[in-house]
C-alpha atoms as a PDB file:
ATOM      1  CA  UNK A   1     -29.297 -22.924 -19.427  1.00  0.00           C
ATOM      2  CA  UNK A   2     -27.228 -19.757 -19.089  1.00  0.00           C
ATOM      3  CA  UNK A   3     -28.684 -16.966 -16.830  1.00  0.00           C
ATOM      4  CA  UNK A   4     -27.545 -13.502 -17.107  1.00  0.00           C
ATOM      5  CA  UNK A   5     -28.125 -10.118 -15.672  1.00  0.00           C
ATOM      6  CA  UNK A   6     -26.837  -6.826 -16.666  1.00  0.00           C
ATOM      7  CA  UNK A   7     -26.204  -4.610 -13.697  1.00  0.00           C
ATOM      8  CA  UNK A   8     -26.419  -0.767 -14.276  1.00  0.00           C
ATOM      9  CA  UNK A   9     -26.129  -0.203 -10.510  1.00  0.00           C
ATOM     10  CA  UNK A  10     -22.551  -1.607 -10.802  1.00  0.00           C
ATOM     11  CA  UNK A  11     -20.670   0.476 -13.158  1.00  0.00           C
ATOM     12  CA  UNK A  12     -17.028  -0.251 -13.325  1.00  0.00           C
ATOM     13  CA  UNK A  13     -15.803   3.188 -12.912  1.00  0.00           C
ATOM     14  CA  UNK A  14     -17.199   3.305  -9.461  1.00  0.00           C
ATOM     15  CA  UNK A  15     -14.519   1.738  -7.144  1.00  0.00           C
ATOM     16  CA  UNK A  16     -17.197   0.249  -4.736  1.00  0.00           C
ATOM     17  CA  UNK A  17     -19.415  -1.145  -7.425  1.00  0.00           C
ATOM     18  CA  UNK A  18     -16.448  -2.827  -8.828  1.00  0.00           C
ATOM     19  CA  UNK A  19     -15.345  -4.470  -5.617  1.00  0.00           C
ATOM     20  CA  UNK A  20     -18.962  -5.321  -4.952  1.00  0.00           C
ATOM     21  CA  UNK A  21     -19.250  -7.219  -8.352  1.00  0.00           C
ATOM     22  CA  UNK A  22     -16.017  -9.066  -7.482  1.00  0.00           C
ATOM     23  CA  UNK A  23     -17.528  -9.846  -4.054  1.00  0.00           C
ATOM     24  CA  UNK A  24     -20.734 -11.647  -5.768  1.00  0.00           C
ATOM     25  CA  UNK A  25     -18.134 -14.086  -7.275  1.00  0.00           C
ATOM     26  CA  UNK A  26     -16.651 -14.812  -3.753  1.00  0.00           C
ATOM     27  CA  UNK A  27     -20.069 -15.279  -2.075  1.00  0.00           C
ATOM     28  CA  UNK A  28     -21.274 -17.700  -4.745  1.00  0.00           C
ATOM     29  CA  UNK A  29     -18.945 -19.647  -6.865  1.00  0.00           C
ATOM     30  CA  UNK A  30     -21.522 -20.231  -9.383  1.00  0.00           C
ATOM     31  CA  UNK A  31     -21.377 -16.546 -10.371  1.00  0.00           C
ATOM     32  CA  UNK A  32     -19.089 -15.425 -13.164  1.00  0.00           C
ATOM     33  CA  UNK A  33     -18.384 -11.727 -13.808  1.00  0.00           C
ATOM     34  CA  UNK A  34     -17.504  -9.646 -16.978  1.00  0.00           C
ATOM     35  CA  UNK A  35     -18.230  -5.956 -18.025  1.00  0.00           C
ATOM     36  CA  UNK A  36     -20.061  -4.640 -20.952  1.00  0.00           C
ATOM     37  CA  UNK A  37     -17.923  -3.209 -23.800  1.00  0.00           C
ATOM     38  CA  UNK A  38     -19.857   0.040 -24.183  1.00  0.00           C
ATOM     39  CA  UNK A  39     -18.389   3.612 -23.180  1.00  0.00           C
ATOM     40  CA  UNK A  40     -19.637   3.109 -19.442  1.00  0.00           C
ATOM     41  CA  UNK A  41     -18.987  -0.678 -18.903  1.00  0.00           C
ATOM     42  CA  UNK A  42     -21.486  -2.101 -16.227  1.00  0.00           C
ATOM     43  CA  UNK A  43     -21.179  -5.662 -14.407  1.00  0.00           C
ATOM     44  CA  UNK A  44     -22.578  -8.443 -16.150  1.00  0.00           C
ATOM     45  CA  UNK A  45     -23.147 -11.640 -13.716  1.00  0.00           C
ATOM     46  CA  UNK A  46     -23.786 -15.026 -15.265  1.00  0.00           C
ATOM     47  CA  UNK A  47     -24.580 -18.494 -14.026  1.00  0.00           C
ATOM     48  CA  UNK A  48     -25.267 -21.837 -15.680  1.00  0.00           C
ATOM     49  CA  UNK A  49     -28.609 -22.761 -14.163  1.00  0.00           C
ATOM     50  CA  UNK A  50     -29.874 -20.702 -11.180  1.00  0.00           C
ATOM     51  CA  UNK A  51     -30.342 -17.063 -11.817  1.00  0.00           C
ATOM     52  CA  UNK A  52     -27.467 -14.763 -10.334  1.00  0.00           C
ATOM     53  CA  UNK A  53     -29.907 -13.084  -8.154  1.00  0.00           C
ATOM     54  CA  UNK A  54     -31.067 -16.328  -6.645  1.00  0.00           C
ATOM     55  CA  UNK A  55     -27.629 -17.448  -6.167  1.00  0.00           C
ATOM     56  CA  UNK A  56     -26.732 -14.409  -4.064  1.00  0.00           C
ATOM     57  CA  UNK A  57     -29.981 -14.753  -1.805  1.00  0.00           C
ATOM     58  CA  UNK A  58     -29.208 -18.213  -1.241  1.00  0.00           C
ATOM     59  CA  UNK A  59     -25.403 -17.473  -0.363  1.00  0.00           C
ATOM     60  CA  UNK A  60     -26.046 -14.333   1.620  1.00  0.00           C
ATOM     61  CA  UNK A  61     -24.220 -14.483   4.977  1.00  0.00           C
ATOM     62  CA  UNK A  62     -26.430 -14.568   7.938  1.00  0.00           C
ATOM     63  CA  UNK A  63     -25.637 -13.043  11.345  1.00  0.00           C
ATOM     64  CA  UNK A  64     -24.064 -16.283  12.680  1.00  0.00           C
ATOM     65  CA  UNK A  65     -21.454 -16.020   9.841  1.00  0.00           C
ATOM     66  CA  UNK A  66     -20.819 -12.384  10.461  1.00  0.00           C
ATOM     67  CA  UNK A  67     -20.574 -12.560  14.109  1.00  0.00           C
ATOM     68  CA  UNK A  68     -17.863 -15.245  13.612  1.00  0.00           C
ATOM     69  CA  UNK A  69     -15.528 -13.369  11.454  1.00  0.00           C
ATOM     70  CA  UNK A  70     -11.970 -13.563  12.800  1.00  0.00           C
ATOM     71  CA  UNK A  71     -11.782  -9.572  12.962  1.00  0.00           C
ATOM     72  CA  UNK A  72     -14.721  -9.281  15.146  1.00  0.00           C
ATOM     73  CA  UNK A  73     -13.860  -7.248  18.406  1.00  0.00           C
ATOM     74  CA  UNK A  74     -14.994 -10.024  20.546  1.00  0.00           C
ATOM     75  CA  UNK A  75     -13.780 -13.618  19.079  1.00  0.00           C
ATOM     76  CA  UNK A  76     -13.710 -17.121  20.692  1.00  0.00           C
ATOM     77  CA  UNK A  77     -12.989 -16.020  23.944  1.00  0.00           C
ATOM     78  CA  UNK A  78      -9.385 -14.475  23.326  1.00  0.00           C
ATOM     79  CA  UNK A  79      -8.316 -10.976  23.751  1.00  0.00           C
ATOM     80  CA  UNK A  80     -10.644  -8.290  22.262  1.00  0.00           C
ATOM     81  CA  UNK A  81      -9.321  -6.516  19.051  1.00  0.00           C
ATOM     82  CA  UNK A  82     -10.199  -2.775  18.876  1.00  0.00           C
ATOM     83  CA  UNK A  83      -9.417  -0.363  16.045  1.00  0.00           C
ATOM     84  CA  UNK A  84      -5.708   0.165  17.253  1.00  0.00           C
ATOM     85  CA  UNK A  85      -4.472  -3.428  17.337  1.00  0.00           C
ATOM     86  CA  UNK A  86      -1.292  -4.323  19.267  1.00  0.00           C
ATOM     87  CA  UNK A  87       0.943  -6.786  17.221  1.00  0.00           C
ATOM     88  CA  UNK A  88       0.598  -9.431  19.834  1.00  0.00           C
ATOM     89  CA  UNK A  89      -3.093  -9.347  19.860  1.00  0.00           C
ATOM     90  CA  UNK A  90      -2.993  -9.582  15.939  1.00  0.00           C
ATOM     91  CA  UNK A  91      -0.719 -12.567  15.926  1.00  0.00           C
ATOM     92  CA  UNK A  92      -3.012 -14.400  18.480  1.00  0.00           C
ATOM     93  CA  UNK A  93      -5.850 -13.950  15.930  1.00  0.00           C
ATOM     94  CA  UNK A  94      -3.999 -14.787  12.922  1.00  0.00           C
ATOM     95  CA  UNK A  95      -2.739 -18.177  14.795  1.00  0.00           C
ATOM     96  CA  UNK A  96      -6.309 -19.122  15.847  1.00  0.00           C
ATOM     97  CA  UNK A  97      -7.887 -18.235  12.492  1.00  0.00           C
ATOM     98  CA  UNK A  98      -5.460 -20.127  10.266  1.00  0.00           C
ATOM     99  CA  UNK A  99      -8.166 -22.805   9.529  1.00  0.00           C
ATOM    100  CA  UNK A 100     -11.129 -20.477   9.575  1.00  0.00           C
ATOM    101  CA  UNK A 101     -12.850 -20.213   6.104  1.00  0.00           C
ATOM    102  CA  UNK A 102     -12.683 -16.307   6.424  1.00  0.00           C
ATOM    103  CA  UNK A 103      -9.055 -15.822   7.782  1.00  0.00           C
ATOM    104  CA  UNK A 104      -8.696 -13.380   4.861  1.00  0.00           C
ATOM    105  CA  UNK A 105     -10.596 -10.873   6.986  1.00  0.00           C
ATOM    106  CA  UNK A 106      -7.493 -10.364   8.887  1.00  0.00           C
ATOM    107  CA  UNK A 107      -5.097 -10.387   6.034  1.00  0.00           C
ATOM    108  CA  UNK A 108      -7.038  -8.058   3.980  1.00  0.00           C
ATOM    109  CA  UNK A 109      -7.547  -5.417   6.453  1.00  0.00           C
ATOM    110  CA  UNK A 110      -4.235  -5.183   8.244  1.00  0.00           C
ATOM    111  CA  UNK A 111      -0.713  -6.582   8.751  1.00  0.00           C
ATOM    112  CA  UNK A 112       1.845  -7.044  11.365  1.00  0.00           C
ATOM    113  CA  UNK A 113       4.466  -6.685   8.680  1.00  0.00           C
ATOM    114  CA  UNK A 114       3.993  -3.123   9.410  1.00  0.00           C
ATOM    115  CA  UNK A 115       4.214  -1.849  13.071  1.00  0.00           C
ATOM    116  CA  UNK A 116       4.159   1.792  13.823  1.00  0.00           C
ATOM    117  CA  UNK A 117       5.945   3.445  16.851  1.00  0.00           C
ATOM    118  CA  UNK A 118       3.397   2.486  19.342  1.00  0.00           C
ATOM    119  CA  UNK A 119       3.570  -1.122  18.846  1.00  0.00           C
ATOM    120  CA  UNK A 120       0.182  -1.170  16.859  1.00  0.00           C
ATOM    121  CA  UNK A 121       0.018  -2.738  13.231  1.00  0.00           C
ATOM    122  CA  UNK A 122      -0.971  -1.059  10.027  1.00  0.00           C
ATOM    123  CA  UNK A 123      -4.295  -1.027   8.280  1.00  0.00           C
ATOM    124  CA  UNK A 124      -5.051  -1.463   4.484  1.00  0.00           C
ATOM    125  CA  UNK A 125      -6.210   1.604   2.408  1.00  0.00           C
ATOM    126  CA  UNK A 126      -9.350  -0.020   2.359  1.00  0.00           C
ATOM    127  CA  UNK A 127      -9.843  -0.059   6.088  1.00  0.00           C
ATOM    128  CA  UNK A 128      -9.644   3.596   6.887  1.00  0.00           C
ATOM    129  CA  UNK A 129     -10.219   4.941  10.343  1.00  0.00           C
ATOM    130  CA  UNK A 130     -13.713   6.512  11.037  1.00  0.00           C
ATOM    131  CA  UNK A 131     -15.107   8.551  13.987  1.00  0.00           C
ATOM    132  CA  UNK A 132     -15.467   6.942  17.202  1.00  0.00           C
ATOM    133  CA  UNK A 133     -12.843   4.160  16.590  1.00  0.00           C
ATOM    134  CA  UNK A 134     -15.438   1.953  15.054  1.00  0.00           C
ATOM    135  CA  UNK A 135     -13.801  -1.093  13.612  1.00  0.00           C
ATOM    136  CA  UNK A 136     -14.398  -2.455   9.952  1.00  0.00           C
ATOM    137  CA  UNK A 137     -16.405  -5.399  11.721  1.00  0.00           C
ATOM    138  CA  UNK A 138     -18.384  -2.993  13.483  1.00  0.00           C
ATOM    139  CA  UNK A 139     -19.381  -1.127  10.376  1.00  0.00           C
ATOM    140  CA  UNK A 140     -20.159  -4.357   8.710  1.00  0.00           C
ATOM    141  CA  UNK A 141     -22.444  -5.461  11.506  1.00  0.00           C
ATOM    142  CA  UNK A 142     -24.279  -2.189  11.441  1.00  0.00           C
ATOM    143  CA  UNK A 143     -24.874  -2.538   7.639  1.00  0.00           C
ATOM    144  CA  UNK A 144     -26.527  -6.067   8.045  1.00  0.00           C
ATOM    145  CA  UNK A 145     -28.482  -4.912  11.083  1.00  0.00           C
ATOM    146  CA  UNK A 146     -32.113  -4.399   9.857  1.00  0.00           C
ATOM    147  CA  UNK A 147     -31.390  -5.348   6.387  1.00  0.00           C
ATOM    148  CA  UNK A 148     -34.091  -7.784   5.195  1.00  0.00           C
ATOM    149  CA  UNK A 149     -32.478  -9.710   2.295  1.00  0.00           C
ATOM    150  CA  UNK A 150     -34.606 -10.995  -0.521  1.00  0.00           C
ATOM    151  CA  UNK A 151     -34.679 -11.186  -4.395  1.00  0.00           C
ATOM    152  CA  UNK A 152     -36.194  -7.958  -4.806  1.00  0.00           C
ATOM    153  CA  UNK A 153     -33.739  -6.187  -2.498  1.00  0.00           C
ATOM    154  CA  UNK A 154     -30.731  -7.577  -4.223  1.00  0.00           C
ATOM    155  CA  UNK A 155     -32.329  -6.819  -7.496  1.00  0.00           C
ATOM    156  CA  UNK A 156     -32.958  -3.091  -6.671  1.00  0.00           C
ATOM    157  CA  UNK A 157     -29.142  -2.754  -5.727  1.00  0.00           C
ATOM    158  CA  UNK A 158     -27.892  -4.502  -8.862  1.00  0.00           C
ATOM    159  CA  UNK A 159     -30.164  -2.376 -10.990  1.00  0.00           C
ATOM    160  CA  UNK A 160     -29.210   0.696  -9.264  1.00  0.00           C
ATOM    161  CA  UNK A 161     -32.526   2.131  -7.713  1.00  0.00           C
ATOM    162  CA  UNK A 162     -32.236   0.654  -4.076  1.00  0.00           C
ATOM    163  CA  UNK A 163     -32.892   3.151  -1.256  1.00  0.00           C
ATOM    164  CA  UNK A 164     -29.893   4.332   0.691  1.00  0.00           C
ATOM    165  CA  UNK A 165     -29.817   4.403   4.392  1.00  0.00           C
ATOM    166  CA  UNK A 166     -28.162   6.911   6.621  1.00  0.00           C
ATOM    167  CA  UNK A 167     -24.864   4.926   7.506  1.00  0.00           C
ATOM    168  CA  UNK A 168     -21.294   5.519   6.849  1.00  0.00           C
ATOM    169  CA  UNK A 169     -20.829   1.896   5.247  1.00  0.00           C
ATOM    170  CA  UNK A 170     -17.285   0.790   5.190  1.00  0.00           C
ATOM    171  CA  UNK A 171     -16.143   4.358   5.021  1.00  0.00           C
ATOM    172  CA  UNK A 172     -14.234   4.793   1.583  1.00  0.00           C
ATOM    173  CA  UNK A 173     -17.112   5.204  -0.824  1.00  0.00           C
ATOM    174  CA  UNK A 174     -17.139   8.848  -2.242  1.00  0.00           C
ATOM    175  CA  UNK A 175     -20.605   8.539  -3.345  1.00  0.00           C
ATOM    176  CA  UNK A 176     -21.963   8.298   0.155  1.00  0.00           C
ATOM    177  CA  UNK A 177     -20.977  11.906   0.898  1.00  0.00           C
ATOM    178  CA  UNK A 178     -23.120  14.821   0.698  1.00  0.00           C
ATOM    179  CA  UNK A 179     -22.441  18.028  -1.002  1.00  0.00           C
ATOM    180  CA  UNK A 180     -20.315  20.841   0.679  1.00  0.00           C
ATOM    181  CA  UNK A 181     -23.432  22.527   1.785  1.00  0.00           C
ATOM    182  CA  UNK A 182     -24.789  19.261   3.448  1.00  0.00           C
ATOM    183  CA  UNK A 183     -21.488  17.635   4.699  1.00  0.00           C
ATOM    184  CA  UNK A 184     -23.357  15.643   7.493  1.00  0.00           C
ATOM    185  CA  UNK A 185     -25.531  13.871   5.046  1.00  0.00           C
ATOM    186  CA  UNK A 186     -23.826  10.185   4.404  1.00  0.00           C
ATOM    187  CA  UNK A 187     -25.936   7.641   2.660  1.00  0.00           C
ATOM    188  CA  UNK A 188     -25.063   3.969   1.714  1.00  0.00           C
ATOM    189  CA  UNK A 189     -26.649   1.043   0.170  1.00  0.00           C
ATOM    190  CA  UNK A 190     -25.994  -1.805   2.589  1.00  0.00           C
ATOM    191  CA  UNK A 191     -26.283  -4.483   0.060  1.00  0.00           C
ATOM    192  CA  UNK A 192     -23.555  -3.173  -2.043  1.00  0.00           C
ATOM    193  CA  UNK A 193     -21.226  -2.358   1.069  1.00  0.00           C
ATOM    194  CA  UNK A 194     -21.720  -5.819   2.187  1.00  0.00           C
ATOM    195  CA  UNK A 195     -20.662  -7.119  -1.390  1.00  0.00           C
ATOM    196  CA  UNK A 196     -17.735  -4.828  -1.179  1.00  0.00           C
ATOM    197  CA  UNK A 197     -16.433  -6.233   1.930  1.00  0.00           C
ATOM    198  CA  UNK A 198     -16.463  -9.801   0.599  1.00  0.00           C
ATOM    199  CA  UNK A 199     -14.714  -8.264  -2.649  1.00  0.00           C
ATOM    200  CA  UNK A 200     -11.761  -7.275  -0.296  1.00  0.00           C
ATOM    201  CA  UNK A 201     -10.823 -10.930   0.170  1.00  0.00           C
ATOM    202  CA  UNK A 202      -8.851 -10.814  -3.313  1.00  0.00           C
ATOM    203  CA  UNK A 203      -6.710  -7.853  -1.818  1.00  0.00           C
ATOM    204  CA  UNK A 204      -4.456  -8.824   1.019  1.00  0.00           C
ATOM    205  CA  UNK A 205      -2.198  -6.114   2.570  1.00  0.00           C
ATOM    206  CA  UNK A 206       1.395  -6.731   3.082  1.00  0.00           C
ATOM    207  CA  UNK A 207       4.404  -4.754   4.426  1.00  0.00           C
ATOM    208  CA  UNK A 208       8.285  -4.800   4.529  1.00  0.00           C
ATOM    209  CA  UNK A 209       8.625  -6.156   7.946  1.00  0.00           C
ATOM    210  CA  UNK A 210       9.935  -2.750   9.680  1.00  0.00           C
ATOM    211  CA  UNK A 211       9.388  -2.458  13.253  1.00  0.00           C
ATOM    212  CA  UNK A 212       9.304   1.376  13.746  1.00  0.00           C
ATOM    213  CA  UNK A 213       9.861   0.662  17.591  1.00  0.00           C
ATOM    214  CA  UNK A 214      13.182  -0.748  17.045  1.00  0.00           C
ATOM    215  CA  UNK A 215      14.202   0.841  13.827  1.00  0.00           C
ATOM    216  CA  UNK A 216      16.360   3.910  14.595  1.00  0.00           C
ATOM    217  CA  UNK A 217      16.838   4.890  11.024  1.00  0.00           C
ATOM    218  CA  UNK A 218      12.998   5.809  10.724  1.00  0.00           C
ATOM    219  CA  UNK A 219      12.509   3.759   7.731  1.00  0.00           C
ATOM    220  CA  UNK A 220       9.217   3.831   6.186  1.00  0.00           C
ATOM    221  CA  UNK A 221       6.838   0.880   6.797  1.00  0.00           C
ATOM    222  CA  UNK A 222       5.929   0.561   3.089  1.00  0.00           C
ATOM    223  CA  UNK A 223       2.678  -1.115   3.633  1.00  0.00           C
ATOM    224  CA  UNK A 224       1.079  -2.211   0.358  1.00  0.00           C
ATOM    225  CA  UNK A 225      -2.361  -3.660  -0.384  1.00  0.00           C
ATOM    226  CA  UNK A 226      -2.756  -5.750  -3.505  1.00  0.00           C
ATOM    227  CA  UNK A 227      -3.915  -3.506  -6.537  1.00  0.00           C
ATOM    228  CA  UNK A 228      -2.223  -0.407  -5.066  1.00  0.00           C
ATOM    229  CA  UNK A 229       0.622   1.130  -6.830  1.00  0.00           C
ATOM    230  CA  UNK A 230       3.009   3.750  -5.863  1.00  0.00           C
ATOM    231  CA  UNK A 231       3.312   6.493  -8.403  1.00  0.00           C
ATOM    232  CA  UNK A 232       6.159   8.621  -6.471  1.00  0.00           C
ATOM    233  CA  UNK A 233       8.367   8.202  -3.533  1.00  0.00           C
ATOM    234  CA  UNK A 234       5.583   9.416  -1.436  1.00  0.00           C
ATOM    235  CA  UNK A 235       3.730   6.518   0.539  1.00  0.00           C
ATOM    236  CA  UNK A 236       0.556   8.685   0.385  1.00  0.00           C
ATOM    237  CA  UNK A 237       0.498   8.625  -3.284  1.00  0.00           C
ATOM    238  CA  UNK A 238      -0.590   5.094  -3.545  1.00  0.00           C
ATOM    239  CA  UNK A 239      -3.536   4.286  -6.034  1.00  0.00           C
ATOM    240  CA  UNK A 240      -5.776   1.334  -6.661  1.00  0.00           C
ATOM    241  CA  UNK A 241      -5.898   0.263 -10.297  1.00  0.00           C
ATOM    242  CA  UNK A 242      -8.600  -2.003 -11.572  1.00  0.00           C
ATOM    243  CA  UNK A 243      -9.708  -3.110 -15.149  1.00  0.00           C
ATOM    244  CA  UNK A 244     -12.887  -4.161 -16.979  1.00  0.00           C
ATOM    245  CA  UNK A 245     -12.690  -7.299 -18.972  1.00  0.00           C
ATOM    246  CA  UNK A 246     -15.066  -9.018 -21.608  1.00  0.00           C
ATOM    247  CA  UNK A 247     -14.786 -12.804 -20.723  1.00  0.00           C
ATOM    248  CA  UNK A 248     -17.155 -14.076 -18.012  1.00  0.00           C
ATOM    249  CA  UNK A 249     -14.737 -15.177 -14.871  1.00  0.00           C
ATOM    250  CA  UNK A 250     -15.228 -16.800 -11.695  1.00  0.00           C
ATOM    251  CA  UNK A 251     -13.313 -15.774  -8.592  1.00  0.00           C
ATOM    252  CA  UNK A 252     -10.227 -17.714  -9.160  1.00  0.00           C
ATOM    253  CA  UNK A 253     -10.022 -16.420 -12.747  1.00  0.00           C
ATOM    254  CA  UNK A 254     -10.215 -12.914 -11.650  1.00  0.00           C
ATOM    255  CA  UNK A 255      -7.570 -13.566  -9.079  1.00  0.00           C
ATOM    256  CA  UNK A 256      -5.437 -14.907 -11.845  1.00  0.00           C
ATOM    257  CA  UNK A 257      -6.069 -11.807 -14.236  1.00  0.00           C
ATOM    258  CA  UNK A 258      -5.142  -9.216 -11.286  1.00  0.00           C
ATOM    259  CA  UNK A 259      -1.893 -11.146 -11.038  1.00  0.00           C
ATOM    260  CA  UNK A 260      -0.928 -10.725 -14.671  1.00  0.00           C
ATOM    261  CA  UNK A 261      -2.462  -7.512 -15.501  1.00  0.00           C
ATOM    262  CA  UNK A 262      -0.151  -4.525 -15.946  1.00  0.00           C
ATOM    263  CA  UNK A 263      -2.065  -1.425 -16.222  1.00  0.00           C
ATOM    264  CA  UNK A 264       0.955   0.281 -17.799  1.00  0.00           C
ATOM    265  CA  UNK A 265       1.358  -2.305 -20.468  1.00  0.00           C
ATOM    266  CA  UNK A 266      -1.493  -1.177 -22.770  1.00  0.00           C
ATOM    267  CA  UNK A 267      -0.571  -3.493 -25.685  1.00  0.00           C
ATOM    268  CA  UNK A 268      -1.227  -6.475 -23.529  1.00  0.00           C
ATOM    269  CA  UNK A 269      -4.753  -5.435 -22.707  1.00  0.00           C
ATOM    270  CA  UNK A 270      -6.247  -7.045 -25.622  1.00  0.00           C
ATOM    271  CA  UNK A 271      -4.596 -10.275 -24.997  1.00  0.00           C
ATOM    272  CA  UNK A 272      -6.198 -10.439 -21.598  1.00  0.00           C
ATOM    273  CA  UNK A 273      -9.586  -9.417 -22.802  1.00  0.00           C
ATOM    274  CA  UNK A 274      -9.281  -6.088 -20.928  1.00  0.00           C
ATOM    275  CA  UNK A 275     -10.982  -3.050 -22.559  1.00  0.00           C
ATOM    276  CA  UNK A 276     -11.024  -0.365 -19.872  1.00  0.00           C
ATOM    277  CA  UNK A 277      -9.093   0.436 -16.672  1.00  0.00           C
ATOM    278  CA  UNK A 278      -9.230   3.094 -13.944  1.00  0.00           C
ATOM    279  CA  UNK A 279      -7.291   4.213 -10.833  1.00  0.00           C
ATOM    280  CA  UNK A 280      -8.285   5.711  -7.609  1.00  0.00           C
ATOM    281  CA  UNK A 281      -8.396   9.399  -6.701  1.00  0.00           C
ATOM    282  CA  UNK A 282      -8.091  10.500  -3.103  1.00  0.00           C
ATOM    283  CA  UNK A 283     -10.914  12.641  -1.711  1.00  0.00           C
ATOM    284  CA  UNK A 284      -9.843  16.196  -1.171  1.00  0.00           C
ATOM    285  CA  UNK A 285     -10.549  17.135   2.435  1.00  0.00           C
ATOM    286  CA  UNK A 286     -12.747  20.165   3.118  1.00  0.00           C
ATOM    287  CA  UNK A 287     -10.262  21.573   5.528  1.00  0.00           C
ATOM    288  CA  UNK A 288      -7.430  20.687   7.865  1.00  0.00           C
ATOM    289  CA  UNK A 289      -9.666  19.128  10.457  1.00  0.00           C
ATOM    290  CA  UNK A 290     -11.550  17.079   7.918  1.00  0.00           C
ATOM    291  CA  UNK A 291     -10.826  13.302   8.561  1.00  0.00           C
ATOM    292  CA  UNK A 292     -12.956  12.137   5.647  1.00  0.00           C
ATOM    293  CA  UNK A 293     -11.656   9.143   3.528  1.00  0.00           C
ATOM    294  CA  UNK A 294     -13.059   8.198   0.124  1.00  0.00           C
ATOM    295  CA  UNK A 295     -11.775   7.235  -3.178  1.00  0.00           C
ATOM    296  CA  UNK A 296     -13.084   8.722  -6.602  1.00  0.00           C
ATOM    297  CA  UNK A 297     -11.841   7.255  -9.991  1.00  0.00           C
ATOM    298  CA  UNK A 298     -10.030   8.344 -12.980  1.00  0.00           C
ATOM    299  CA  UNK A 299      -9.876   6.593 -16.390  1.00  0.00           C
ATOM    300  CA  UNK A 300      -6.544   5.252 -17.453  1.00  0.00           C
END
C-alpha cells in the first residue's frame, strides 16, 4: 500500500530544504521524492509499505556511523585532516576510503584537482569556512549531539514546526541568520541539517587539475561542484541550480534527472516532468569583515 507524506517544512525554493529532501532518498532507498505542483512547491515523500517517517527513523545514522565517515578529523589511525587540508593528506584519505560506503563525503566536499598556492586543496561551495576552523564533519557531529531521533522529531521537521537550536549547522543556510539588529542569533534544525549533509552525496566537486604552486601563469583553479554554473567569467559568480519535478523518483532517478536537466532549455522541462526551478543567491555581507556564508534563492 502506497504511503505518502506532504512536507510543508521542505519548500523547494529553500535550498537547504531541497537538499534535505534529496538526502531522505539517500538515507533510505525505499523513499521516493517529488514536489507539489502549486505556486509554492513542497516535498512529497512516498514509499510502498513502510511510512516515510518510519523509514527515516529506521535508517537514521547513529554516532558510530558518523564517527567513521572518511572526512572525520581523526580517522583510522592515519594523519589527521583539519580544515586546511594538504594535498597529500587528502590523497591518503582518498586511497583509504575507496571501498568505504561513504567515500563520497570526501568527493562532495573537497578536491585535489584544485590546489592553492600553499599546497592546500580546495573546498566545495557547500563546504564553506566557519569561525575557529571547524570542519564540516565537526559541524555534523555537533548537530547529532543531544539529538534524540524519533518519529515525532522527524515529523516535526518535515511539517515545519520543529524547535530550532542555537547552532550554526553546516554553515550555508540563510534562514539560520538573525536580523541585522541581532546578528549573533543563529538557529538551525539539526534534523534538516543532517539530511542536507547526506543530500550532498549527489554533488561531487571537481577541478581542472591546476596546481597553483607550480603554475606560473596564475591560472584560475576553476573548481566546480555539480549543479553549480558559471554565469560570467568571474569564478565568484557561480550559482547552484535546482528543479522541482512531478513524478516520484528514487535517489538514482534524481541523479539521472540532474544529469539531463538544462535550466536554460525551458521547452525540455515538460518532457522531464519539471515544473519549477531556482538558482542560488549569495548572502550580501554586512560589512568588509563579515565572513558569513549563506545562500538564498531566485525563481527561474
